[in-house]
N, C-alpha and C. Protein backbone atom coordinates (compact mmCIF):
# COMPACT_ATOMS: atom_id res chain seq x y z
N UNK A 1 18.04 -2.71 8.57
CA UNK A 1 17.12 -2.00 9.86
C UNK A 1 15.90 -2.75 10.14
N UNK A 2 15.47 -3.17 9.11
CA UNK A 2 14.53 -3.85 9.07
C UNK A 2 14.44 -5.06 9.56
N UNK A 3 16.02 -5.72 8.92
CA UNK A 3 16.34 -7.55 9.84
C UNK A 3 16.24 -7.13 11.13
N UNK A 4 16.68 -6.23 11.87
CA UNK A 4 16.66 -6.02 13.16
C UNK A 4 15.49 -6.20 14.15
N UNK A 5 14.78 -4.93 13.10
CA UNK A 5 13.80 -4.48 13.71
C UNK A 5 12.21 -6.29 13.76
N UNK A 6 12.88 -6.84 12.85
CA UNK A 6 11.99 -8.25 13.18
C UNK A 6 12.20 -9.33 13.58
N UNK A 7 13.72 -9.35 14.28
CA UNK A 7 14.50 -10.18 15.39
C UNK A 7 13.97 -9.67 16.84
N UNK A 8 13.56 -7.59 17.46
CA UNK A 8 13.01 -7.68 17.77
C UNK A 8 11.62 -7.61 18.37
N UNK A 9 10.93 -7.39 16.69
CA UNK A 9 9.30 -7.72 17.16
C UNK A 9 9.06 -9.14 17.94
N UNK A 10 9.62 -10.19 16.91
CA UNK A 10 9.57 -11.70 17.44
C UNK A 10 9.66 -11.93 19.06
N UNK A 11 11.13 -11.13 19.91
CA UNK A 11 11.30 -11.59 21.02
C UNK A 11 10.47 -10.94 21.57
N UNK A 12 9.53 -9.84 21.07
CA UNK A 12 8.64 -8.81 22.15
C UNK A 12 7.68 -9.74 21.96
N UNK A 13 6.76 -10.57 21.62
CA UNK A 13 5.70 -10.92 21.01
C UNK A 13 5.94 -12.23 22.08
N UNK A 14 7.11 -13.07 21.87
CA UNK A 14 7.96 -13.83 22.64
C UNK A 14 7.27 -13.81 24.28
N UNK A 15 8.05 -12.24 24.23
CA UNK A 15 8.29 -12.36 25.94
C UNK A 15 6.18 -12.41 26.48
N UNK A 16 5.61 -11.48 24.92
CA UNK A 16 4.24 -11.28 25.74
C UNK A 16 3.49 -12.09 25.83
N UNK A 17 3.93 -13.54 25.32
CA UNK A 17 3.15 -14.95 25.51
C UNK A 17 3.56 -15.54 26.17
N UNK A 18 4.98 -15.27 26.82
CA UNK A 18 4.84 -16.21 28.32
C UNK A 18 4.24 -15.54 29.12
N UNK A 19 4.55 -14.13 29.19
CA UNK A 19 3.58 -13.12 29.97
C UNK A 19 2.19 -13.11 30.75
N UNK A 20 1.60 -14.15 29.90
CA UNK A 20 0.09 -13.79 29.34
C UNK A 20 -0.03 -15.75 29.55
N UNK A 21 1.31 -15.98 29.36
CA UNK A 21 0.80 -17.51 30.48
C UNK A 21 0.87 -17.53 32.17
N UNK A 22 0.93 -16.66 31.81
CA UNK A 22 2.03 -16.55 33.93
C UNK A 22 0.64 -16.02 34.53
N UNK A 23 -0.10 -14.91 33.69
CA UNK A 23 -0.85 -14.95 34.66
C UNK A 23 -2.38 -15.24 35.11
N UNK A 24 -2.41 -15.00 36.42
CA UNK A 24 -3.15 -15.40 36.82
C UNK A 24 -4.96 -15.42 36.41
N UNK A 25 -5.59 -15.73 35.64
CA UNK A 25 -7.15 -16.00 34.96
C UNK A 25 -7.67 -15.51 35.29
N UNK A 26 -7.64 -14.82 37.07
CA UNK A 26 -8.98 -14.32 37.41
C UNK A 26 -8.65 -13.47 36.98
N UNK A 27 -7.61 -12.21 37.04
CA UNK A 27 -7.36 -11.14 37.04
C UNK A 27 -7.51 -10.64 35.84
N UNK A 28 -8.48 -10.52 34.87
CA UNK A 28 -9.13 -10.78 33.59
C UNK A 28 -8.88 -9.39 32.98
N UNK A 29 -8.70 -7.41 33.92
CA UNK A 29 -8.29 -6.92 33.50
C UNK A 29 -6.56 -6.69 32.84
N UNK A 30 -5.89 -7.03 33.39
CA UNK A 30 -4.58 -7.74 33.43
C UNK A 30 -4.11 -8.35 31.94
N UNK A 31 -5.16 -9.60 32.37
CA UNK A 31 -4.76 -10.62 30.97
C UNK A 31 -5.74 -9.78 29.55
N UNK A 32 -6.82 -9.22 29.78
CA UNK A 32 -6.95 -8.26 28.68
C UNK A 32 -6.10 -7.11 27.77
N UNK A 33 -5.31 -6.35 28.71
CA UNK A 33 -4.36 -5.64 28.88
C UNK A 33 -3.06 -6.37 27.97
N UNK A 34 -2.59 -7.51 28.14
CA UNK A 34 -1.34 -8.24 27.72
C UNK A 34 -1.97 -9.28 26.40
N UNK A 35 -2.86 -9.38 26.27
CA UNK A 35 -3.93 -9.90 24.76
C UNK A 35 -3.46 -8.53 23.95
N UNK A 36 -4.50 -8.08 24.27
CA UNK A 36 -3.77 -6.46 23.08
C UNK A 36 -2.66 -6.30 23.59
N UNK A 37 -1.79 -6.37 24.03
CA UNK A 37 -0.17 -5.77 23.45
C UNK A 37 0.10 -7.21 22.68
N UNK A 38 -0.21 -8.23 23.05
CA UNK A 38 0.52 -9.07 21.89
C UNK A 38 -0.47 -9.28 20.59
N UNK A 39 -1.84 -8.87 20.97
CA UNK A 39 -2.43 -8.65 19.45
C UNK A 39 -1.70 -7.53 18.36
N UNK A 40 -1.23 -7.05 18.81
CA UNK A 40 -0.43 -5.71 18.08
C UNK A 40 1.05 -5.72 18.02
N UNK A 41 1.89 -6.73 19.06
CA UNK A 41 2.92 -7.23 18.82
C UNK A 41 3.05 -8.48 17.33
N UNK A 42 2.04 -8.85 17.04
CA UNK A 42 1.88 -10.47 15.98
C UNK A 42 1.74 -9.27 15.18
N UNK A 43 0.39 -8.54 14.99
CA UNK A 43 0.21 -7.90 13.64
C UNK A 43 1.68 -6.88 13.07
N UNK A 44 2.58 -6.15 13.95
CA UNK A 44 3.63 -5.24 13.14
C UNK A 44 4.85 -6.54 12.96
N UNK A 45 4.68 -7.77 14.39
CA UNK A 45 6.05 -8.13 13.48
C UNK A 45 5.70 -9.43 11.47
N UNK A 46 4.18 -9.77 11.90
CA UNK A 46 3.93 -9.93 10.29
C UNK A 46 3.94 -9.55 8.98
N UNK A 47 3.30 -7.34 9.53
CA UNK A 47 3.78 -6.61 8.65
C UNK A 47 5.78 -6.42 8.28
N UNK A 48 6.16 -6.65 9.89
CA UNK A 48 7.67 -6.32 9.56
C UNK A 48 8.09 -7.63 8.38
N UNK A 49 7.55 -8.52 8.95
CA UNK A 49 8.61 -9.84 8.14
C UNK A 49 7.77 -10.05 6.49
N UNK A 50 6.42 -9.18 6.28
CA UNK A 50 6.10 -9.46 5.22
C UNK A 50 7.28 -8.20 4.20
N UNK A 51 7.27 -6.96 5.03
CA UNK A 51 8.28 -6.17 4.41
C UNK A 51 9.66 -6.54 4.00
N UNK A 52 10.35 -7.35 4.65
CA UNK A 52 11.38 -8.10 4.90
C UNK A 52 11.62 -8.58 3.08
N UNK A 53 10.31 -9.49 3.37
CA UNK A 53 10.75 -10.12 2.28
C UNK A 53 10.21 -9.61 0.98
N UNK A 54 9.43 -8.59 1.02
CA UNK A 54 9.46 -7.47 -0.12
C UNK A 54 10.79 -7.30 -1.10
N UNK A 55 11.16 -7.07 -0.22
CA UNK A 55 13.20 -7.41 -0.15
C UNK A 55 13.43 -7.69 -1.15
N UNK A 56 13.40 -8.99 -1.52
CA UNK A 56 14.16 -9.89 -2.83
C UNK A 56 12.62 -9.71 -3.37
N UNK A 57 13.05 -9.41 -4.57
CA UNK A 57 12.69 -8.79 -6.02
C UNK A 57 12.44 -10.41 -6.74
N UNK A 58 11.58 -10.46 -6.83
CA UNK A 58 10.78 -11.92 -8.14
C UNK A 58 10.63 -11.40 -9.33
N UNK A 59 10.25 -11.97 -10.30
CA UNK A 59 9.96 -11.78 -11.46
C UNK A 59 8.21 -12.11 -11.55
N UNK A 60 7.41 -11.91 -11.98
CA UNK A 60 5.83 -12.63 -12.07
C UNK A 60 5.95 -13.23 -12.90
N UNK A 61 7.37 -13.50 -14.20
CA UNK A 61 6.75 -14.36 -15.44
C UNK A 61 8.00 -15.49 -15.59
N UNK A 62 8.41 -16.41 -16.65
CA UNK A 62 9.96 -17.19 -16.53
C UNK A 62 10.60 -16.41 -18.06
N UNK A 63 11.29 -16.14 -18.13
CA UNK A 63 12.18 -15.87 -18.98
C UNK A 63 13.09 -15.97 -18.61
N UNK A 64 14.28 -15.04 -19.56
CA UNK A 64 15.98 -14.74 -19.47
C UNK A 64 15.88 -13.45 -18.35
N UNK A 65 16.62 -13.43 -17.54
CA UNK A 65 16.99 -11.93 -17.04
C UNK A 65 17.96 -11.51 -17.77
N UNK A 66 17.63 -10.28 -17.68
CA UNK A 66 18.69 -8.83 -18.51
C UNK A 66 18.91 -8.05 -17.55
N UNK A 67 19.93 -7.75 -17.01
CA UNK A 67 19.97 -6.67 -15.71
C UNK A 67 21.03 -5.59 -17.03
N UNK A 68 20.76 -4.24 -17.33
CA UNK A 68 21.39 -3.63 -18.34
C UNK A 68 22.10 -3.03 -17.41
N UNK A 69 22.01 -2.47 -16.13
CA UNK A 69 23.06 -1.62 -15.45
C UNK A 69 23.32 -2.88 -13.93
N UNK A 70 24.21 -3.81 -14.43
CA UNK A 70 24.00 -4.72 -12.93
C UNK A 70 24.77 -4.16 -12.12
N UNK A 71 26.67 -3.87 -13.48
CA UNK A 71 27.44 -2.60 -12.26
C UNK A 71 27.12 -2.02 -10.99
N UNK A 72 25.85 -0.76 -11.40
CA UNK A 72 25.71 -0.02 -10.49
C UNK A 72 24.52 -0.13 -9.60
N UNK A 73 24.24 -1.30 -9.31
CA UNK A 73 23.13 -1.42 -8.59
C UNK A 73 23.33 -1.54 -7.37
N UNK A 74 25.51 -2.56 -7.32
CA UNK A 74 25.16 -2.51 -6.02
C UNK A 74 25.52 -1.54 -5.14
N UNK A 75 24.67 -2.03 -3.50
CA UNK A 75 24.70 -0.28 -2.81
C UNK A 75 24.46 0.47 -3.04
N UNK A 76 23.27 0.26 -4.12
CA UNK A 76 22.44 1.33 -4.65
C UNK A 76 20.90 1.44 -3.67
N UNK A 77 20.69 2.76 -3.46
CA UNK A 77 19.36 2.84 -3.35
C UNK A 77 18.18 2.96 -4.29
N UNK A 78 16.97 1.53 -4.16
CA UNK A 78 16.10 1.98 -5.27
C UNK A 78 14.91 1.95 -4.53
N UNK A 79 14.17 2.96 -5.17
CA UNK A 79 12.60 3.30 -4.98
C UNK A 79 11.70 1.91 -5.66
N UNK A 80 10.78 2.48 -4.88
CA UNK A 80 9.41 1.48 -5.31
C UNK A 80 9.26 1.69 -6.60
N UNK A 81 8.97 0.60 -7.93
CA UNK A 81 8.07 1.20 -9.34
C UNK A 81 9.63 1.15 -9.73
N UNK A 82 11.15 1.31 -9.71
CA UNK A 82 11.86 2.00 -10.22
C UNK A 82 12.45 0.29 -11.47
N UNK A 83 12.55 0.56 -12.07
CA UNK A 83 12.95 -0.49 -13.46
C UNK A 83 14.49 -0.74 -12.96
N UNK A 84 14.32 -2.41 -12.74
CA UNK A 84 15.66 -2.82 -12.69
C UNK A 84 16.42 -3.68 -13.49
N UNK A 85 15.88 -4.44 -14.12
CA UNK A 85 15.69 -5.58 -14.70
C UNK A 85 14.61 -5.81 -15.51
N UNK A 86 15.23 -6.84 -16.98
CA UNK A 86 13.91 -7.75 -17.60
C UNK A 86 13.77 -8.72 -17.35
N UNK A 87 12.73 -9.67 -17.71
CA UNK A 87 12.77 -10.51 -17.91
C UNK A 87 11.69 -10.96 -19.08
N UNK A 88 11.75 -11.77 -20.26
CA UNK A 88 11.57 -11.70 -21.32
C UNK A 88 12.03 -12.75 -21.85
N UNK A 89 10.86 -13.11 -22.91
CA UNK A 89 11.24 -14.57 -23.48
C UNK A 89 11.95 -14.09 -25.24
N UNK A 90 12.41 -14.22 -25.49
CA UNK A 90 13.28 -13.86 -26.47
C UNK A 90 12.28 -14.56 -28.21
N UNK A 91 11.48 -15.43 -27.96
CA UNK A 91 10.41 -16.03 -28.62
C UNK A 91 9.66 -15.59 -29.30
N UNK A 92 9.07 -14.80 -28.06
CA UNK A 92 8.28 -13.67 -28.34
C UNK A 92 7.91 -12.30 -28.43
N UNK A 93 9.11 -11.57 -28.39
CA UNK A 93 9.12 -10.70 -28.73
C UNK A 93 7.89 -9.50 -28.44
N UNK A 94 7.75 -7.98 -28.07
CA UNK A 94 6.91 -7.50 -27.48
C UNK A 94 7.54 -5.61 -27.96
N UNK A 95 7.32 -5.18 -29.64
CA UNK A 95 7.48 -4.20 -29.98
C UNK A 95 6.54 -2.84 -29.71
N UNK A 96 7.21 -2.34 -29.61
CA UNK A 96 6.20 -0.48 -29.67
C UNK A 96 6.82 0.26 -30.57
N UNK A 97 5.63 0.88 -30.93
CA UNK A 97 5.53 2.01 -32.22
C UNK A 97 4.85 3.37 -31.50
N UNK A 98 5.05 4.60 -31.99
CA UNK A 98 4.33 5.73 -31.85
C UNK A 98 3.54 5.95 -33.39
N UNK A 99 3.12 6.81 -32.72
CA UNK A 99 2.06 7.33 -34.61
C UNK A 99 1.67 8.96 -33.72
N UNK A 100 2.09 9.41 -35.12
CA UNK A 100 2.12 11.15 -34.57
C UNK A 100 0.73 11.00 -34.96
N UNK A 101 -0.32 12.10 -33.94
CA UNK A 101 -1.77 12.08 -34.17
C UNK A 101 -2.58 12.58 -35.76
N UNK A 102 -1.68 13.19 -36.55
CA UNK A 102 -2.33 13.40 -37.45
C UNK A 102 -2.44 12.08 -38.33
N UNK A 103 -1.32 10.89 -38.03
CA UNK A 103 -1.91 9.77 -38.79
C UNK A 103 -2.50 8.66 -37.65
N UNK A 104 -3.12 9.37 -36.67
CA UNK A 104 -4.29 8.10 -35.31
C UNK A 104 -4.99 7.37 -36.87
N UNK A 105 -5.65 8.75 -37.13
CA UNK A 105 -7.34 7.92 -37.30
C UNK A 105 -6.93 6.66 -38.61
N UNK A 106 -5.91 7.14 -39.50
CA UNK A 106 -5.92 5.69 -40.86
C UNK A 106 -4.74 5.08 -39.91
N UNK A 107 -4.07 4.86 -39.52
CA UNK A 107 -3.50 4.26 -38.92
C UNK A 107 -4.70 2.74 -38.04
N UNK A 108 -5.49 3.45 -37.06
CA UNK A 108 -6.34 2.46 -36.69
C UNK A 108 -7.29 2.37 -37.34
N UNK A 109 -8.22 2.88 -38.20
CA UNK A 109 -8.67 2.12 -39.02
C UNK A 109 -8.85 1.81 -40.54
N UNK A 110 -7.63 2.05 -40.76
CA UNK A 110 -7.03 1.39 -42.85
C UNK A 110 -6.18 1.11 -42.65
N UNK A 111 -5.67 0.10 -41.61
CA UNK A 111 -4.67 -0.33 -41.75
C UNK A 111 -4.79 -1.69 -42.28
N UNK A 112 -4.41 -1.88 -43.48
CA UNK A 112 -4.42 -3.42 -44.37
C UNK A 112 -3.50 -5.15 -43.59
N UNK A 113 -2.23 -4.32 -43.56
CA UNK A 113 -0.73 -5.24 -42.72
C UNK A 113 0.73 -4.61 -42.76
N UNK A 114 1.01 -4.77 -41.68
CA UNK A 114 1.65 -4.40 -40.93
C UNK A 114 3.27 -5.00 -40.79
N UNK A 115 4.03 -4.46 -41.81
CA UNK A 115 5.79 -5.29 -41.51
C UNK A 115 7.00 -4.83 -40.83
N UNK A 116 7.91 -5.34 -40.49
CA UNK A 116 8.24 -4.88 -39.33
C UNK A 116 10.01 -5.12 -39.76
N UNK A 117 11.09 -4.15 -39.80
CA UNK A 117 12.26 -4.73 -40.15
C UNK A 117 12.97 -3.39 -38.89
N UNK A 118 13.85 -4.54 -38.56
CA UNK A 118 15.09 -4.07 -37.84
C UNK A 118 16.84 -3.55 -38.47
N UNK A 119 16.78 -2.64 -37.74
CA UNK A 119 17.55 -1.92 -37.87
C UNK A 119 19.11 -2.70 -38.30
N UNK A 120 19.50 -3.25 -37.46
CA UNK A 120 20.43 -3.92 -37.93
C UNK A 120 20.31 -5.29 -38.89
N UNK A 121 18.73 -5.29 -39.86
CA UNK A 121 19.15 -6.15 -40.70
C UNK A 121 17.63 -5.54 -41.57
N UNK A 122 17.69 -4.04 -42.22
CA UNK A 122 16.81 -3.49 -42.45
C UNK A 122 16.03 -3.83 -44.04
N UNK A 123 16.92 -5.49 -44.70
CA UNK A 123 16.45 -5.79 -45.88
C UNK A 123 15.88 -7.11 -45.70
N UNK A 124 15.33 -6.90 -44.08
CA UNK A 124 14.26 -8.15 -44.18
C UNK A 124 13.26 -7.83 -43.47
N UNK A 125 12.50 -8.65 -44.24
CA UNK A 125 11.02 -7.71 -43.83
C UNK A 125 9.83 -8.84 -42.60
N UNK A 126 9.82 -7.95 -41.70
CA UNK A 126 9.05 -9.44 -41.06
C UNK A 126 7.40 -9.12 -40.92
N UNK A 127 6.26 -9.79 -41.20
CA UNK A 127 4.46 -9.57 -40.93
C UNK A 127 4.57 -9.46 -39.19
N UNK A 128 3.48 -8.51 -39.17
CA UNK A 128 3.30 -8.36 -37.85
C UNK A 128 2.11 -7.68 -37.48
N UNK A 129 1.84 -7.58 -35.79
CA UNK A 129 0.09 -7.33 -36.18
C UNK A 129 0.26 -6.62 -35.03
N UNK A 130 -0.75 -5.73 -34.83
CA UNK A 130 -1.45 -5.27 -33.86
C UNK A 130 -2.23 -6.05 -32.61
N UNK A 131 -1.03 -5.37 -31.11
CA UNK A 131 -1.64 -6.77 -30.20
C UNK A 131 -2.35 -5.75 -29.25
N UNK A 132 -2.02 -4.03 -29.59
CA UNK A 132 -2.48 -3.08 -27.89
C UNK A 132 -2.49 -1.91 -28.49
N UNK A 133 -3.24 -1.09 -27.99
CA UNK A 133 -3.54 0.34 -28.73
C UNK A 133 -3.20 0.81 -27.04
N UNK A 134 -2.91 1.64 -26.77
CA UNK A 134 -3.26 2.56 -25.65
C UNK A 134 -4.45 3.87 -25.85
N UNK A 135 -5.53 3.85 -24.98
CA UNK A 135 -6.73 4.06 -25.35
C UNK A 135 -6.52 5.10 -25.37
N UNK A 136 -5.72 6.22 -24.83
CA UNK A 136 -5.78 7.84 -25.50
C UNK A 136 -4.18 8.27 -25.58
N UNK A 137 -4.40 9.55 -26.63
CA UNK A 137 -3.24 9.82 -26.99
C UNK A 137 -2.26 10.51 -25.33
N UNK A 138 -1.02 10.79 -25.66
CA UNK A 138 -0.51 11.33 -24.91
C UNK A 138 0.68 11.52 -25.75
N UNK A 139 1.46 12.47 -24.43
CA UNK A 139 2.91 13.98 -25.12
C UNK A 139 4.36 13.01 -25.08
N UNK A 140 4.29 11.87 -24.68
CA UNK A 140 5.22 10.76 -23.45
C UNK A 140 6.07 9.91 -24.18
N UNK A 141 7.45 9.86 -24.20
CA UNK A 141 7.67 9.24 -25.46
C UNK A 141 8.36 7.67 -24.57
N UNK A 142 8.02 6.99 -24.82
CA UNK A 142 8.07 5.09 -24.63
C UNK A 142 10.07 4.83 -24.36
N UNK A 143 10.23 5.42 -24.88
CA UNK A 143 11.76 5.22 -24.96
C UNK A 143 12.50 7.05 -25.75
N UNK A 144 13.61 6.49 -25.18
CA UNK A 144 14.08 8.16 -25.36
C UNK A 144 15.03 8.29 -27.24
N UNK A 145 14.83 6.55 -26.76
CA UNK A 145 15.88 7.02 -28.73
C UNK A 145 15.16 6.89 -29.64
N UNK A 146 13.99 7.54 -29.29
CA UNK A 146 12.41 7.89 -30.10
C UNK A 146 12.90 8.92 -30.74
N UNK A 147 13.38 10.06 -30.12
CA UNK A 147 13.50 11.77 -29.98
C UNK A 147 14.94 11.73 -30.93
N UNK A 148 14.32 12.96 -31.31
CA UNK A 148 15.56 13.52 -32.12
C UNK A 148 17.02 12.82 -31.67
N UNK A 149 17.08 13.75 -30.65
CA UNK A 149 18.41 13.72 -29.42
C UNK A 149 18.95 11.78 -29.69
N UNK A 150 17.66 10.98 -29.58
CA UNK A 150 18.61 9.80 -29.74
C UNK A 150 18.91 9.20 -31.13
N UNK A 151 18.51 9.93 -32.09
CA UNK A 151 17.84 9.28 -33.22
C UNK A 151 16.72 9.07 -34.03
N UNK A 152 15.88 9.50 -33.34
CA UNK A 152 14.62 9.52 -33.77
C UNK A 152 14.29 11.16 -34.68
N UNK A 153 13.01 10.45 -34.87
CA UNK A 153 12.15 11.70 -35.66
C UNK A 153 11.09 13.00 -34.69
N UNK A 154 10.98 12.73 -33.42
CA UNK A 154 10.01 13.15 -32.59
C UNK A 154 10.73 14.86 -31.95
N UNK A 155 10.60 15.37 -32.08
CA UNK A 155 11.75 16.43 -31.43
C UNK A 155 10.56 16.96 -29.35
N UNK A 156 11.78 16.95 -29.15
CA UNK A 156 11.38 17.24 -26.82
C UNK A 156 11.28 18.29 -26.28
N UNK A 157 9.98 18.19 -26.06
CA UNK A 157 9.45 19.96 -24.89
C UNK A 157 10.70 20.70 -24.65
N UNK A 158 11.12 20.74 -25.09
CA UNK A 158 12.39 22.03 -23.60
C UNK A 158 11.85 21.89 -22.69
N UNK A 159 10.84 22.38 -21.93
CA UNK A 159 10.89 23.17 -20.70
C UNK A 159 10.55 21.91 -20.25
N UNK A 160 10.18 20.40 -20.39
CA UNK A 160 10.40 18.94 -19.81
C UNK A 160 11.95 18.70 -18.76
N UNK A 161 11.43 18.81 -17.53
CA UNK A 161 13.17 18.78 -16.72
C UNK A 161 13.15 16.89 -17.29
N UNK A 162 12.43 15.94 -17.21
CA UNK A 162 12.29 14.62 -17.71
C UNK A 162 12.76 14.24 -19.09
N UNK A 163 12.71 15.20 -19.24
CA UNK A 163 13.29 14.52 -21.20
C UNK A 163 12.62 13.48 -21.82
N UNK A 164 11.38 13.37 -21.52
CA UNK A 164 10.59 12.56 -22.59
C UNK A 164 8.91 12.81 -22.96
N UNK A 165 9.19 14.45 -23.08
CA UNK A 165 8.01 14.61 -23.83
C UNK A 165 8.04 15.28 -24.95
N UNK A 166 7.41 15.18 -25.26
CA UNK A 166 7.57 16.06 -26.84
C UNK A 166 6.47 17.08 -27.56
N UNK A 167 6.36 17.36 -28.65
CA UNK A 167 5.79 18.80 -29.04
C UNK A 167 4.53 18.22 -29.47
N UNK A 168 3.99 17.04 -29.74
CA UNK A 168 2.38 16.50 -30.36
C UNK A 168 2.51 14.53 -29.55
N UNK A 169 1.11 15.38 -29.49
CA UNK A 169 0.32 13.96 -29.33
C UNK A 169 0.83 12.86 -30.14
N UNK A 170 0.57 11.45 -29.35
CA UNK A 170 1.58 10.30 -29.82
C UNK A 170 0.45 9.15 -29.30
N UNK A 171 -0.21 8.37 -30.94
CA UNK A 171 -0.82 7.06 -30.70
C UNK A 171 0.66 5.94 -29.87
N UNK A 172 0.21 5.41 -28.87
CA UNK A 172 0.84 4.22 -28.56
C UNK A 172 0.41 2.77 -29.14
N UNK A 173 1.45 2.42 -29.82
CA UNK A 173 1.04 0.34 -30.36
C UNK A 173 2.25 -0.30 -29.71
N UNK A 174 1.63 -0.94 -29.31
CA UNK A 174 2.22 -2.95 -29.18
C UNK A 174 1.89 -3.75 -29.91
N UNK A 175 3.26 -3.87 -30.55
CA UNK A 175 3.47 -4.99 -31.85
C UNK A 175 3.40 -6.43 -31.41
N UNK A 176 3.15 -7.42 -32.37
CA UNK A 176 3.99 -8.50 -32.36
C UNK A 176 4.02 -9.57 -33.15
N UNK A 177 5.85 -10.20 -33.18
CA UNK A 177 5.74 -10.73 -35.07
C UNK A 177 4.50 -11.67 -34.94
N UNK A 178 4.23 -12.02 -36.84
CA UNK A 178 3.10 -12.72 -36.87
C UNK A 178 3.80 -14.14 -36.63
N UNK A 179 5.17 -14.25 -36.93
CA UNK A 179 5.58 -15.53 -36.92
C UNK A 179 7.00 -15.21 -36.09
N UNK A 180 6.57 -16.07 -34.95
CA UNK A 180 7.46 -16.04 -33.97
C UNK A 180 9.33 -16.11 -34.67
N UNK A 181 10.03 -15.09 -33.88
CA UNK A 181 11.08 -15.01 -34.18
C UNK A 181 12.16 -14.40 -32.82
N UNK A 182 13.11 -15.64 -32.65
CA UNK A 182 14.07 -15.22 -31.83
C UNK A 182 15.08 -13.80 -31.79
N UNK A 183 14.41 -13.01 -30.71
CA UNK A 183 15.34 -11.92 -30.88
C UNK A 183 16.01 -11.65 -29.77
N UNK A 184 17.17 -11.61 -30.05
CA UNK A 184 18.42 -11.75 -28.79
C UNK A 184 18.67 -10.29 -27.93
N UNK A 185 18.02 -9.54 -27.67
CA UNK A 185 18.54 -7.95 -27.60
C UNK A 185 16.98 -7.45 -27.36
N UNK A 186 17.42 -6.43 -26.50
CA UNK A 186 16.79 -5.25 -25.77
C UNK A 186 16.55 -4.32 -26.35
N UNK A 187 15.62 -3.18 -26.33
CA UNK A 187 15.96 -1.90 -26.91
C UNK A 187 16.54 -1.78 -27.92
N UNK A 188 16.20 -2.45 -29.11
CA UNK A 188 16.96 -1.94 -30.37
C UNK A 188 15.93 -0.84 -30.80
N UNK A 189 16.24 -0.57 -32.12
CA UNK A 189 15.06 -0.05 -33.14
C UNK A 189 14.56 -0.87 -34.28
N UNK A 190 13.36 -0.82 -34.63
CA UNK A 190 12.72 -0.81 -35.48
C UNK A 190 11.99 -0.03 -36.72
N UNK A 191 11.55 -0.32 -37.47
CA UNK A 191 10.95 0.81 -38.97
C UNK A 191 10.13 -0.60 -38.71
N UNK A 192 8.68 0.35 -38.70
CA UNK A 192 7.55 -0.30 -38.96
C UNK A 192 6.83 0.55 -40.67
N UNK A 193 6.16 -0.33 -40.66
CA UNK A 193 5.45 -0.23 -42.17
C UNK A 193 3.71 -0.49 -41.80
N UNK A 194 3.06 0.00 -42.31
CA UNK A 194 1.50 -0.01 -41.82
C UNK A 194 1.04 0.79 -43.92
N UNK A 195 0.44 -0.67 -44.00
CA UNK A 195 -0.17 -1.27 -45.09
C UNK A 195 -1.41 -0.18 -45.18
N UNK A 196 -1.98 0.82 -45.68
CA UNK A 196 -3.62 1.19 -45.98
C UNK A 196 -3.84 0.76 -46.88
N UNK A 197 -3.62 0.10 -47.94
CA UNK A 197 -3.86 -0.68 -49.43
C UNK A 197 -4.22 -0.15 -50.54
N UNK A 198 -4.65 -0.37 -51.85
CA UNK A 198 -4.52 0.30 -52.65
C UNK A 198 -5.67 1.32 -52.63
N UNK A 199 -5.10 2.77 -52.81
CA UNK A 199 -6.25 3.83 -53.24
C UNK A 199 -6.40 4.96 -54.39
N UNK A 200 -6.86 5.27 -54.61
CA UNK A 200 -7.40 5.71 -56.07
C UNK A 200 -6.33 7.05 -55.56
N UNK A 201 -5.75 8.10 -56.43
CA UNK A 201 -4.16 9.13 -56.65
C UNK A 201 -5.60 10.13 -55.76
N UNK A 202 -6.75 10.30 -56.48
CA UNK A 202 -7.45 11.99 -55.29
C UNK A 202 -7.68 11.22 -53.91
N UNK A 203 -7.80 9.80 -53.84
CA UNK A 203 -8.51 9.78 -51.90
C UNK A 203 -7.05 10.19 -50.97
N UNK A 204 -6.21 9.89 -51.21
CA UNK A 204 -4.94 10.32 -51.11
C UNK A 204 -4.63 11.12 -51.29
N UNK A 205 -4.69 12.29 -52.11
CA UNK A 205 -4.71 13.73 -51.98
C UNK A 205 -5.69 14.38 -50.71
N UNK A 206 -6.85 13.49 -51.22
CA UNK A 206 -7.69 14.07 -49.89
C UNK A 206 -7.23 13.80 -48.40
N UNK A 207 -6.54 12.28 -48.27
CA UNK A 207 -6.42 12.32 -47.10
C UNK A 207 -5.12 13.27 -46.45
N UNK A 208 -4.04 13.47 -47.60
CA UNK A 208 -3.31 14.29 -47.05
C UNK A 208 -3.39 15.61 -47.18
N UNK A 209 -4.51 16.55 -47.53
CA UNK A 209 -4.95 17.47 -47.14
C UNK A 209 -5.66 17.80 -45.82
N UNK A 210 -6.35 16.25 -46.22
CA UNK A 210 -7.26 16.68 -44.79
C UNK A 210 -6.10 16.71 -43.27
N UNK A 211 -4.99 15.75 -43.19
CA UNK A 211 -4.28 15.62 -42.04
C UNK A 211 -3.69 17.14 -41.76
N UNK A 212 -3.13 17.63 -43.18
CA UNK A 212 -2.58 19.11 -43.04
C UNK A 212 -3.86 19.96 -42.26
N UNK A 213 -4.74 19.60 -42.56
CA UNK A 213 -5.80 20.95 -42.23
C UNK A 213 -5.91 20.35 -40.61
N UNK A 214 -6.34 18.99 -39.58
CA UNK A 214 -6.04 18.66 -38.49
C UNK A 214 -4.49 19.23 -37.55
N UNK A 215 -3.68 19.33 -38.43
CA UNK A 215 -2.58 19.42 -37.77
C UNK A 215 -2.03 21.28 -37.62
N UNK A 216 -2.96 22.03 -38.77
CA UNK A 216 -2.53 23.14 -38.23
C UNK A 216 -3.72 23.79 -37.09
N UNK A 217 -5.12 23.29 -37.20
CA UNK A 217 -5.45 23.29 -36.76
C UNK A 217 -6.15 23.05 -35.70
N UNK A 218 -5.21 21.95 -35.50
CA UNK A 218 -5.67 21.39 -34.88
C UNK A 218 -7.24 20.90 -33.81
N UNK A 219 -7.72 20.55 -34.74
CA UNK A 219 -8.96 20.14 -34.77
C UNK A 219 -9.29 18.73 -34.54
C-alpha cells in the first residue's frame, strides 16, 4: 500500500505543478490556493518516500550478519523496535553479566580483576574487564538463559507474563575480553569470576554477615 500511495502522491504533485504553470498570473487567489495544495502534496510525498525507504533495514555498524530465525521472517509482520538480526564483530564480543543486589557493592568497589570461562571450554580462563554498568538495579533479565528455566540461577517472577522479571534486583554489567579473541557464536553462556583480592577471614566473615543482613531486611 505504501508503494502505491507514493506513486499516487507523485502524480498528484505533478498535476498541481502543471495547474500552477497554466494559471493566469493575474489570478493571485487561485494561484495561492494551488500553490498551498502543491506544498502539502510535496510534503506528503517526501514523508511517504521516507517511510518507504525505512522499510529497508540497514545496520548502523559493520560486521557479520546473523539472522537467528531467518525461515520465520518471510511474510511476517514486524513491529518497530523488534529484533530481527545481529551484526557483530566476533573479534570483539560483548559479554553480559548480572549480579545479585547483595553482591553489587562488592563487585562495584572491590573487584581486583575479572576472568571469564566459556561453557564450551571451561578449562580455559580469559581475562576480562568491565566496560559498562547499567546505572540502576533492575529485576529484568537480559536473556532467559540466565533464569532457572534456562539453566541459570535466578527464579522468575510467576506473575510476570513476559517471563523476563525475577524475584530480586540485579546489577547489569557489560564485559570485554582483555585479549581480543574470536568468538563464532551469539547467545552462548559464560561463567564470570570477580576476584576481590586476598583478605583476612574476619573481613570475609563480616562481608558475608552484612550481605545476609541486607538480603533479609532489604536495606
